[in-house]
Amino acid sequence: MNEKILALLVEFVTRVIGAGGYAGIVVLMGIESACIPLPSELIMPFAGYVAYLGRFNLFWAATAGAVGCNLGSAVAYWIGARGGRPLVERYGKWVLVSHSDLDWVTRFFEKYGSITVLIARLLPIVRTFIAFPAGVAKMGQVRFHIYTFVGSWPWCFVLALVGRELGERWHTDPRFQAVFHRFHLAVELAVVALILWFLWVHMNRRRRASAA
């Protein structure tokens, strides 16, 4: 990440949490879960640093983070449920998404939605965007929010714990940055591989359909 952008994000996160306390964590994690890539890897470690200073309780900081994830996810879920399917049906052909793909996503979330949301909440990048497809598939809202909370809480707690243990070095320790860089890279490569597989399958399907 560009150093200037990182510095601005760090200042934004520290100001919001400094002014709002636990409510600031809720707001920031809500933004992160509403398909806006504000890194939780900055938000929760700073909350842990504030716990290191004795101003936060680690348990309640993680709980505030998980509550924020649910609130932000509710917005993304609602957008997906209300406008996602019509939008994809209208413009999906430009990104090789068909009606059958939407039906497949719906069936998938009906069968595996719980474990998918749970795992997604433990992964960077994916966790930011998972609520939208869950909304498009109209996954049961109660089930969606239960698994969002269950998956988000340990993610928030671990990041806050790291921030508390690092103390003053909550966003500068090279070990922390290296671990999360590798973790991010692995997830990014997996996402790119899935996108390439999706494009390859759909382009082959179109070629066969054109040949027929």
Protein backbone atom coordinates (compact mmCIF):
# COMPACT_ATOMS: atom_id res chain seq x y z
CA MET A 1 0.00 0.00 0.00
CA ASN A 2 1.24 3.49 -0.86
CA GLU A 3 2.89 5.08 2.20
CA LYS A 4 0.92 8.33 1.87
CA ILE A 5 -2.38 6.46 1.65
CA LEU A 6 -1.37 4.29 4.60
CA ALA A 7 -0.49 7.37 6.66
CA LEU A 8 -3.86 8.94 5.86
CA LEU A 9 -5.69 5.74 6.81
CA VAL A 10 -3.75 5.46 10.07
CA GLU A 11 -4.62 9.07 10.93
CA PHE A 12 -8.29 8.51 10.04
CA VAL A 13 -8.54 5.34 12.12
CA THR A 14 -6.81 6.84 15.14
CA ARG A 15 -8.94 9.98 15.04
CA VAL A 16 -12.25 8.12 14.77
CA ILE A 17 -11.44 5.66 17.55
CA GLY A 18 -9.86 8.40 19.66
CA ALA A 19 -13.02 10.49 19.40
CA GLY A 20 -15.63 7.74 19.47
CA GLY A 21 -14.17 4.99 21.63
CA TYR A 22 -15.97 1.68 21.17
CA ALA A 23 -18.52 3.42 18.93
CA GLY A 24 -15.62 4.47 16.71
CA ILE A 25 -14.65 0.81 16.29
CA VAL A 26 -18.26 -0.02 15.37
CA VAL A 27 -18.32 2.74 12.74
CA LEU A 28 -14.97 1.81 11.18
CA MET A 29 -15.66 -1.93 11.06
CA GLY A 30 -19.10 -1.13 9.65
CA ILE A 31 -17.43 0.76 6.81
CA GLU A 32 -15.05 -2.16 6.23
CA SER A 33 -17.94 -4.62 5.96
CA ALA A 34 -20.03 -2.46 3.63
CA CYS A 35 -17.84 -3.30 0.60
CA ILE A 36 -15.53 -0.34 1.31
CA PRO A 37 -11.92 -1.57 1.65
CA LEU A 38 -10.93 0.14 4.90
CA PRO A 39 -8.45 -2.38 6.35
CA SER A 40 -9.48 -4.05 9.57
CA GLU A 41 -5.74 -4.78 9.90
CA LEU A 42 -5.38 -1.12 10.87
CA ILE A 43 -8.62 -0.68 12.81
CA MET A 44 -8.42 -3.54 15.27
CA PRO A 45 -4.67 -3.40 16.05
CA PHE A 46 -5.11 0.26 17.00
CA ALA A 47 -8.04 -0.75 19.21
CA GLY A 48 -5.65 -3.28 20.78
CA TYR A 49 -3.07 -0.55 21.28
CA VAL A 50 -5.69 1.52 23.11
CA ALA A 51 -6.31 -1.58 25.27
CA TYR A 52 -2.56 -1.66 25.89
CA LEU A 53 -2.89 1.90 27.20
CA GLY A 54 -5.63 0.69 29.55
CA ARG A 55 -8.49 2.60 27.91
CA PHE A 56 -10.22 -0.38 26.27
CA ASN A 57 -11.14 -3.88 27.35
CA LEU A 58 -9.94 -6.34 24.71
CA PHE A 59 -13.13 -8.41 24.86
CA TRP A 60 -15.38 -5.40 24.34
CA ALA A 61 -13.15 -4.01 21.59
CA ALA A 62 -13.52 -7.30 19.66
CA THR A 63 -17.26 -7.31 20.33
CA ALA A 64 -17.58 -3.74 19.06
CA GLY A 65 -15.70 -4.79 15.93
CA ALA A 66 -18.02 -7.76 15.35
CA VAL A 67 -21.10 -5.56 15.90
CA GLY A 68 -19.73 -3.11 13.34
CA CYS A 69 -19.23 -5.97 10.87
CA ASN A 70 -22.89 -6.91 11.26
CA LEU A 71 -24.12 -3.35 10.77
CA GLY A 72 -21.98 -2.73 7.69
CA SER A 73 -22.89 -6.13 6.30
CA ALA A 74 -26.58 -5.34 6.72
CA VAL A 75 -26.15 -2.43 4.30
CA ALA A 76 -24.27 -4.50 1.71
CA TYR A 77 -26.72 -7.39 2.14
CA TRP A 78 -29.70 -5.06 1.62
CA ILE A 79 -28.16 -3.59 -1.55
CA GLY A 80 -27.54 -7.08 -2.88
CA ALA A 81 -31.03 -8.31 -1.96
CA ARG A 82 -32.87 -5.28 -3.37
CA GLY A 83 -30.85 -4.36 -6.42
CA GLY A 84 -28.16 -6.95 -6.95
CA ARG A 85 -30.05 -9.52 -8.99
CA PRO A 86 -31.77 -7.02 -11.35
CA LEU A 87 -28.41 -5.29 -11.83
CA VAL A 88 -26.61 -8.52 -12.64
CA GLU A 89 -29.45 -9.69 -14.90
CA ARG A 90 -29.23 -6.46 -16.86
CA TYR A 91 -25.46 -6.02 -17.08
CA GLY A 92 -24.12 -9.45 -16.16
CA LYS A 93 -23.49 -10.43 -19.77
CA TRP A 94 -20.66 -7.88 -19.89
CA VAL A 95 -18.81 -9.78 -17.16
CA LEU A 96 -19.93 -13.23 -18.34
CA VAL A 97 -22.51 -13.72 -15.57
CA SER A 98 -25.71 -15.43 -16.69
CA HIS A 99 -29.12 -16.21 -15.17
CA SER A 100 -27.93 -19.76 -14.52
CA ASP A 101 -24.97 -18.39 -12.56
CA LEU A 102 -27.35 -16.40 -10.35
CA ASP A 103 -29.46 -19.50 -9.80
CA TRP A 104 -26.30 -21.44 -8.91
CA VAL A 105 -25.25 -18.77 -6.39
CA THR A 106 -28.71 -18.91 -4.81
CA ARG A 107 -28.59 -22.70 -4.49
CA PHE A 108 -25.03 -22.54 -3.16
CA PHE A 109 -25.92 -20.08 -0.40
CA GLU A 110 -29.02 -22.09 0.48
CA LYS A 111 -26.84 -25.16 1.00
CA TYR A 112 -23.44 -23.81 2.09
CA GLY A 113 -24.15 -20.19 3.04
CA SER A 114 -23.42 -20.59 6.74
CA ILE A 115 -19.95 -22.09 6.39
CA THR A 116 -19.15 -19.77 3.47
CA VAL A 117 -19.94 -16.64 5.48
CA LEU A 118 -18.11 -18.02 8.53
CA ILE A 119 -14.91 -18.74 6.58
CA ALA A 120 -15.14 -15.53 4.54
CA ARG A 121 -15.19 -13.46 7.75
CA LEU A 122 -11.81 -14.95 8.65
CA LEU A 123 -10.18 -13.90 5.37
CA PRO A 124 -8.91 -10.49 4.28
CA ILE A 125 -10.44 -8.98 1.11
CA VAL A 126 -13.15 -11.66 0.89
CA ARG A 127 -14.66 -10.57 4.23
CA THR A 128 -15.24 -7.06 2.88
CA PHE A 129 -17.43 -8.21 0.00
CA ILE A 130 -19.17 -11.43 1.13
CA ALA A 131 -22.39 -9.71 2.25
CA PHE A 132 -23.31 -8.56 -1.25
CA PRO A 133 -23.52 -12.03 -2.87
CA ALA A 134 -25.28 -13.32 0.25
CA GLY A 135 -27.87 -10.60 -0.30
CA VAL A 136 -28.18 -11.38 -4.00
CA ALA A 137 -28.83 -15.02 -3.05
CA LYS A 138 -31.22 -13.82 -0.31
CA MET A 139 -29.61 -16.03 2.30
CA GLY A 140 -31.69 -16.10 5.49
CA GLN A 141 -30.87 -12.86 7.31
CA VAL A 142 -30.85 -14.26 10.84
CA ARG A 143 -28.51 -17.06 9.78
CA PHE A 144 -26.35 -14.58 7.86
CA HIS A 145 -25.93 -12.25 10.83
CA ILE A 146 -25.27 -15.06 13.31
CA TYR A 147 -22.42 -16.44 11.20
CA THR A 148 -21.16 -12.95 10.41
CA PHE A 149 -20.81 -12.28 14.14
CA VAL A 150 -19.35 -15.71 14.92
CA GLY A 151 -16.75 -15.38 12.15
CA SER A 152 -15.95 -11.71 12.76
CA TRP A 153 -15.39 -11.85 16.52
CA PRO A 154 -12.25 -14.04 16.51
CA TRP A 155 -10.84 -12.05 13.57
CA CYS A 156 -11.33 -8.81 15.51
CA PHE A 157 -10.05 -10.30 18.76
CA VAL A 158 -6.83 -11.69 17.25
CA LEU A 159 -6.01 -8.41 15.50
CA ALA A 160 -6.73 -6.44 18.68
CA LEU A 161 -4.60 -8.87 20.69
CA VAL A 162 -1.72 -8.37 18.26
CA GLY A 163 -2.09 -4.60 18.61
CA ARG A 164 -2.05 -4.87 22.39
CA GLU A 165 1.04 -7.06 22.39
CA LEU A 166 2.90 -4.78 19.95
CA GLY A 167 2.01 -1.65 21.93
CA GLU A 168 3.63 1.43 20.41
CA ARG A 169 4.64 -0.63 17.35
CA TRP A 170 1.00 -1.56 16.50
CA HIS A 171 1.33 -0.47 12.85
CA THR A 172 5.11 -0.35 12.35
CA ASP A 173 6.40 -3.75 13.48
CA PRO A 174 7.88 -5.42 10.35
CA ARG A 175 7.00 -8.92 11.59
CA PHE A 176 3.29 -8.07 11.74
CA GLN A 177 3.42 -6.43 8.31
CA ALA A 178 5.29 -9.39 6.80
CA VAL A 179 2.83 -11.97 8.13
CA PHE A 180 -0.21 -10.09 6.89
CA HIS A 181 1.44 -9.32 3.58
CA ARG A 182 1.96 -13.04 2.96
CA PHE A 183 -1.57 -13.82 4.17
CA HIS A 184 -3.03 -11.14 1.88
CA LEU A 185 -0.93 -12.35 -1.04
CA ALA A 186 -2.13 -15.94 -0.61
CA VAL A 187 -5.79 -14.83 -0.54
CA GLU A 188 -5.29 -12.47 -3.50
CA LEU A 189 -3.72 -15.26 -5.58
CA ALA A 190 -6.60 -17.59 -4.69
CA VAL A 191 -9.15 -14.94 -5.70
CA VAL A 192 -7.34 -14.26 -8.99
CA ALA A 193 -7.20 -18.01 -9.70
CA LEU A 194 -10.96 -18.31 -9.11
CA ILE A 195 -11.67 -15.35 -11.40
CA LEU A 196 -9.47 -16.80 -14.16
CA TRP A 197 -11.16 -20.20 -13.78
CA PHE A 198 -14.59 -18.53 -13.95
CA LEU A 199 -13.65 -16.62 -17.13
CA TRP A 200 -12.13 -19.71 -18.76
CA VAL A 201 -15.21 -21.85 -18.08
CA HIS A 202 -17.64 -19.18 -19.34
CA MET A 203 -15.64 -18.31 -22.45
CA ASN A 204 -15.47 -22.00 -23.36
CA ARG A 205 -19.21 -22.28 -22.79
CA ARG A 206 -19.83 -19.34 -25.11
CA ARG A 207 -17.57 -20.79 -27.80
CA ARG A 208 -19.43 -24.11 -27.68
CA ALA A 209 -22.76 -22.31 -27.83
CA SER A 210 -21.60 -20.25 -30.85
CA ALA A 211 -20.30 -23.34 -32.62
CA ALA A 212 -23.61 -25.11 -32.13
